N, C-alpha and C. Protein backbone atom coordinates (compact mmCIF):
# COMPACT_ATOMS: atom_id res chain seq x y z
N MET A 1 0.29 -0.89 0.04
CA MET A 1 -0.25 -0.13 0.38
C MET A 1 0.94 1.42 -0.36
N ALA A 2 2.58 0.72 0.51
CA ALA A 2 2.49 2.22 0.68
C ALA A 2 3.12 2.84 -1.21
N GLY A 3 3.58 1.40 -1.49
CA GLY A 3 3.80 2.38 -2.89
C GLY A 3 2.63 2.87 -3.58
N ASN A 4 1.51 3.11 -3.06
CA ASN A 4 -0.03 3.78 -3.90
C ASN A 4 0.54 5.22 -3.38
N ASN A 5 1.65 5.38 -1.79
CA ASN A 5 1.43 7.61 -1.74
C ASN A 5 2.47 7.75 -2.42
N ASP A 6 2.47 9.11 -2.24
CA ASP A 6 2.91 10.17 -2.55
C ASP A 6 4.88 10.59 -1.71
N ALA A 7 6.12 10.92 -2.17
CA ALA A 7 7.18 10.31 -1.00
C ALA A 7 7.54 12.45 -1.18
N LEU A 8 7.53 12.34 0.18
CA LEU A 8 7.96 13.63 0.54
C LEU A 8 8.96 13.96 0.94
N TYR A 9 10.86 13.94 1.21
CA TYR A 9 12.22 13.62 1.67
C TYR A 9 12.96 15.36 1.34
N LEU A 10 13.70 15.11 2.39
CA LEU A 10 14.75 16.64 2.19
C LEU A 10 15.81 15.83 1.84
N ARG A 11 16.62 16.72 1.25
CA ARG A 11 17.91 16.27 0.27
C ARG A 11 18.73 17.50 0.20
N HIS A 12 20.13 17.43 1.24
CA HIS A 12 20.65 19.31 1.14
C HIS A 12 19.97 19.94 1.25
N GLY A 13 18.96 19.53 2.35
CA GLY A 13 17.85 21.13 3.07
C GLY A 13 17.24 21.48 2.24
N GLN A 14 16.55 20.56 0.92
CA GLN A 14 15.49 21.13 -0.44
C GLN A 14 14.42 19.82 -0.08
N LEU A 15 13.46 20.88 0.09
CA LEU A 15 12.64 19.84 -0.60
C LEU A 15 12.30 18.92 -1.75
N VAL A 16 12.03 17.37 -1.68
CA VAL A 16 11.72 16.89 -2.65
C VAL A 16 10.34 16.31 -2.29
N SER A 17 9.69 16.18 -3.45
CA SER A 17 8.50 16.23 -3.79
C SER A 17 8.15 14.95 -4.74
N VAL A 18 7.81 13.28 -4.72
CA VAL A 18 7.35 12.51 -5.50
C VAL A 18 6.49 11.64 -6.25
N PRO A 19 5.77 12.64 -7.12
CA PRO A 19 3.86 11.63 -6.83
C PRO A 19 4.10 10.52 -7.40
N THR A 20 2.88 9.83 -6.23
CA THR A 20 2.85 8.71 -6.28
C THR A 20 2.91 7.38 -8.39
N GLN A 21 3.16 8.10 -9.43
CA GLN A 21 2.91 7.67 -10.26
C GLN A 21 4.59 7.45 -11.18
N ASP A 22 5.46 8.30 -10.01
CA ASP A 22 7.05 8.48 -10.38
C ASP A 22 8.01 7.78 -9.22
N LEU A 23 6.78 7.13 -8.32
CA LEU A 23 7.79 6.67 -7.16
C LEU A 23 9.14 5.75 -7.52
N PHE A 24 9.28 4.54 -8.49
CA PHE A 24 9.67 3.04 -8.71
C PHE A 24 9.98 3.78 -10.14
N LYS A 25 10.30 4.86 -10.18
CA LYS A 25 10.19 5.02 -12.17
C LYS A 25 12.45 5.48 -12.01
N ASN A 26 12.94 6.04 -10.73
CA ASN A 26 14.01 6.04 -10.84
C ASN A 26 14.53 6.05 -10.01
N PRO A 27 14.86 4.58 -8.77
CA PRO A 27 15.74 4.30 -7.55
C PRO A 27 16.95 4.20 -8.32
N PHE A 28 17.50 5.24 -6.57
CA PHE A 28 18.84 4.77 -5.78
C PHE A 28 19.52 4.14 -5.78
N THR A 29 20.72 3.67 -5.99
CA THR A 29 21.55 2.87 -5.75
C THR A 29 22.13 2.46 -4.92
N VAL A 30 22.30 1.73 -4.96
CA VAL A 30 24.11 1.93 -3.75
C VAL A 30 24.98 0.38 -3.54
N ASP A 31 25.97 0.11 -4.01
CA ASP A 31 26.58 -1.09 -4.20
C ASP A 31 27.56 -2.00 -2.71
N TYR A 32 26.98 -2.15 -2.12
CA TYR A 32 27.62 -3.06 -1.55
C TYR A 32 28.20 -4.09 -1.53
N PRO A 33 30.11 -4.11 -1.08
CA PRO A 33 30.45 -5.26 -1.40
C PRO A 33 30.05 -6.53 -0.77
N GLU A 34 30.64 -7.78 -1.65
CA GLU A 34 29.46 -8.77 -0.43
C GLU A 34 28.44 -9.08 -1.43
N ILE A 35 27.77 -7.98 -1.06
CA ILE A 35 25.59 -8.41 -1.39
C ILE A 35 25.56 -7.61 -2.80
N GLY A 36 25.87 -6.42 -3.51
CA GLY A 36 25.34 -6.61 -4.69
C GLY A 36 25.85 -4.77 -4.41
N LEU A 37 24.38 -4.64 -5.88
CA LEU A 37 23.83 -3.50 -6.24
C LEU A 37 22.42 -3.51 -5.87
N LEU A 38 21.63 -2.62 -4.73
CA LEU A 38 20.44 -2.51 -4.21
C LEU A 38 20.07 -0.60 -5.03
N GLU A 39 18.74 -1.67 -4.62
CA GLU A 39 17.56 -0.34 -5.27
C GLU A 39 16.84 0.06 -4.11
N TYR A 40 16.90 2.27 -4.15
CA TYR A 40 16.29 2.12 -3.66
C TYR A 40 15.67 3.30 -3.35
N ILE A 41 13.78 3.69 -2.95
CA ILE A 41 13.34 5.40 -3.29
C ILE A 41 12.87 5.27 -2.10
N GLN A 42 12.63 6.74 -2.00
CA GLN A 42 12.36 6.77 -0.56
C GLN A 42 10.65 7.70 -0.93
N GLN A 43 10.88 7.39 0.54
CA GLN A 43 9.73 7.07 0.36
C GLN A 43 8.79 8.73 2.18
N ASP A 44 7.74 8.59 2.40
CA ASP A 44 7.63 9.78 2.99
C ASP A 44 8.22 10.38 4.52
N SER A 45 9.69 10.79 4.52
CA SER A 45 10.13 10.79 5.63
C SER A 45 10.66 12.31 6.43
N LEU A 46 9.64 13.15 6.38
CA LEU A 46 10.00 13.86 7.13
C LEU A 46 9.53 14.32 8.42
N ALA A 47 8.40 13.88 9.34
CA ALA A 47 8.56 13.47 10.63
C ALA A 47 9.10 12.83 11.75
N TYR A 48 9.66 11.41 10.21
CA TYR A 48 10.81 11.27 11.12
C TYR A 48 12.18 11.87 11.69
N LYS A 49 12.00 13.06 11.32
CA LYS A 49 12.90 14.28 11.93
C LYS A 49 12.62 14.70 13.28
N ASP A 50 11.44 14.12 13.37
CA ASP A 50 10.78 15.03 15.28
C ASP A 50 11.05 13.58 16.05
N ILE A 51 10.49 12.02 14.98
CA ILE A 51 10.66 11.21 15.57
C ILE A 51 12.51 10.75 16.74
N TYR A 52 13.00 10.96 15.40
CA TYR A 52 14.25 10.51 15.94
C TYR A 52 15.59 11.92 16.18
N GLY A 53 14.59 12.60 16.34
CA GLY A 53 15.09 13.31 17.45
C GLY A 53 16.02 14.91 16.81
N ILE A 54 15.61 14.63 15.06
CA ILE A 54 16.93 15.01 14.49
C ILE A 54 16.84 16.33 13.96
N PRO A 55 16.27 17.55 15.09
CA PRO A 55 15.54 18.68 13.49
C PRO A 55 16.55 19.59 13.00
N GLU A 56 17.67 19.44 12.38
CA GLU A 56 18.80 19.82 12.50
C GLU A 56 19.12 19.14 10.45
N ALA A 57 19.12 17.93 10.82
CA ALA A 57 18.91 17.27 10.03
C ALA A 57 18.41 17.96 8.33
N GLN A 58 19.51 18.05 7.67
CA GLN A 58 19.85 18.92 6.18
C GLN A 58 19.13 17.42 4.39
N THR A 59 19.41 16.35 5.54
CA THR A 59 19.67 15.09 4.11
C THR A 59 18.03 13.64 5.24
N MET A 60 16.81 13.33 4.46
CA MET A 60 16.09 13.35 5.97
C MET A 60 15.90 12.16 4.75
N PHE A 61 16.41 10.77 4.76
CA PHE A 61 15.92 9.37 3.64
C PHE A 61 15.06 8.63 4.55
N ARG A 62 14.24 7.76 3.88
CA ARG A 62 13.30 6.49 4.31
C ARG A 62 12.75 5.36 3.27
N GLY A 63 13.62 4.48 3.39
CA GLY A 63 13.19 3.67 2.38
C GLY A 63 13.33 2.09 2.75
N THR A 64 13.94 0.92 1.96
CA THR A 64 13.07 0.11 1.61
C THR A 64 14.64 -0.86 0.67
N PHE A 65 15.90 -1.02 1.21
CA PHE A 65 16.94 -1.59 0.15
C PHE A 65 15.56 -2.76 -0.53
N ARG A 66 15.98 -2.71 -1.87
CA ARG A 66 16.04 -4.27 -2.71
C ARG A 66 16.92 -5.07 -3.50
N TYR A 67 17.01 -5.83 -4.07
CA TYR A 67 17.96 -6.52 -5.37
C TYR A 67 17.15 -5.98 -6.22
N LYS A 68 18.42 -5.55 -7.25
CA LYS A 68 17.79 -4.88 -8.72
C LYS A 68 16.80 -5.64 -9.40
N GLY A 69 16.18 -4.37 -10.32
CA GLY A 69 14.68 -4.93 -10.75
C GLY A 69 13.42 -4.59 -10.02
N TRP A 70 13.65 -4.32 -8.43
CA TRP A 70 12.55 -5.02 -7.07
C TRP A 70 12.05 -3.65 -8.27
N CYS A 71 11.91 -2.26 -8.40
CA CYS A 71 11.36 -0.93 -8.19
C CYS A 71 11.09 -1.30 -10.10
N GLU A 72 11.32 -1.53 -11.63
CA GLU A 72 10.77 -1.43 -12.37
C GLU A 72 9.57 -3.19 -11.64
N SER A 73 9.29 -3.48 -11.42
CA SER A 73 8.39 -4.91 -11.02
C SER A 73 7.20 -4.86 -10.63
N LEU A 74 7.60 -3.25 -9.70
CA LEU A 74 6.59 -2.60 -8.98
C LEU A 74 6.12 -1.75 -9.62
N ASP A 75 6.11 -1.00 -10.59
CA ASP A 75 6.17 0.30 -11.12
C ASP A 75 5.08 -0.68 -12.35
N LEU A 76 5.78 -1.93 -12.68
CA LEU A 76 4.75 -2.70 -13.53
C LEU A 76 3.27 -3.28 -13.12
N MET A 77 3.46 -3.52 -11.88
CA MET A 77 2.43 -4.27 -11.08
C MET A 77 0.68 -2.75 -11.27
N LYS A 78 2.12 -1.42 -10.14
CA LYS A 78 0.82 -0.31 -10.33
C LYS A 78 0.19 -0.01 -11.84
N SER A 79 0.87 0.28 -13.07
CA SER A 79 0.26 0.43 -14.01
C SER A 79 -0.72 -1.36 -14.43
N LEU A 80 -1.36 -2.22 -13.20
CA LEU A 80 -2.38 -2.86 -14.03
C LEU A 80 -3.76 -2.46 -13.67
N THR A 81 -3.61 -1.55 -12.37
CA THR A 81 -4.83 -1.27 -11.52
C THR A 81 -5.57 -0.64 -11.55
């Protein structure tokens, strides 16, 4: 269900908004040694500045790491509805 929401997060002090239809289109990637390339999307993360007590944070991400291809698969599933 979270994949049907818009995303709102901070990146270098700038507020970034991603509408639900674009949520899985441009995932971020990280290459972890011995694991490989993982991808993740940003989800709504602004509330976590207060939850974690870090109001001074200039970058605030929240997401889940997945193996490459997951975002593309979810985007295709969303297009079926």
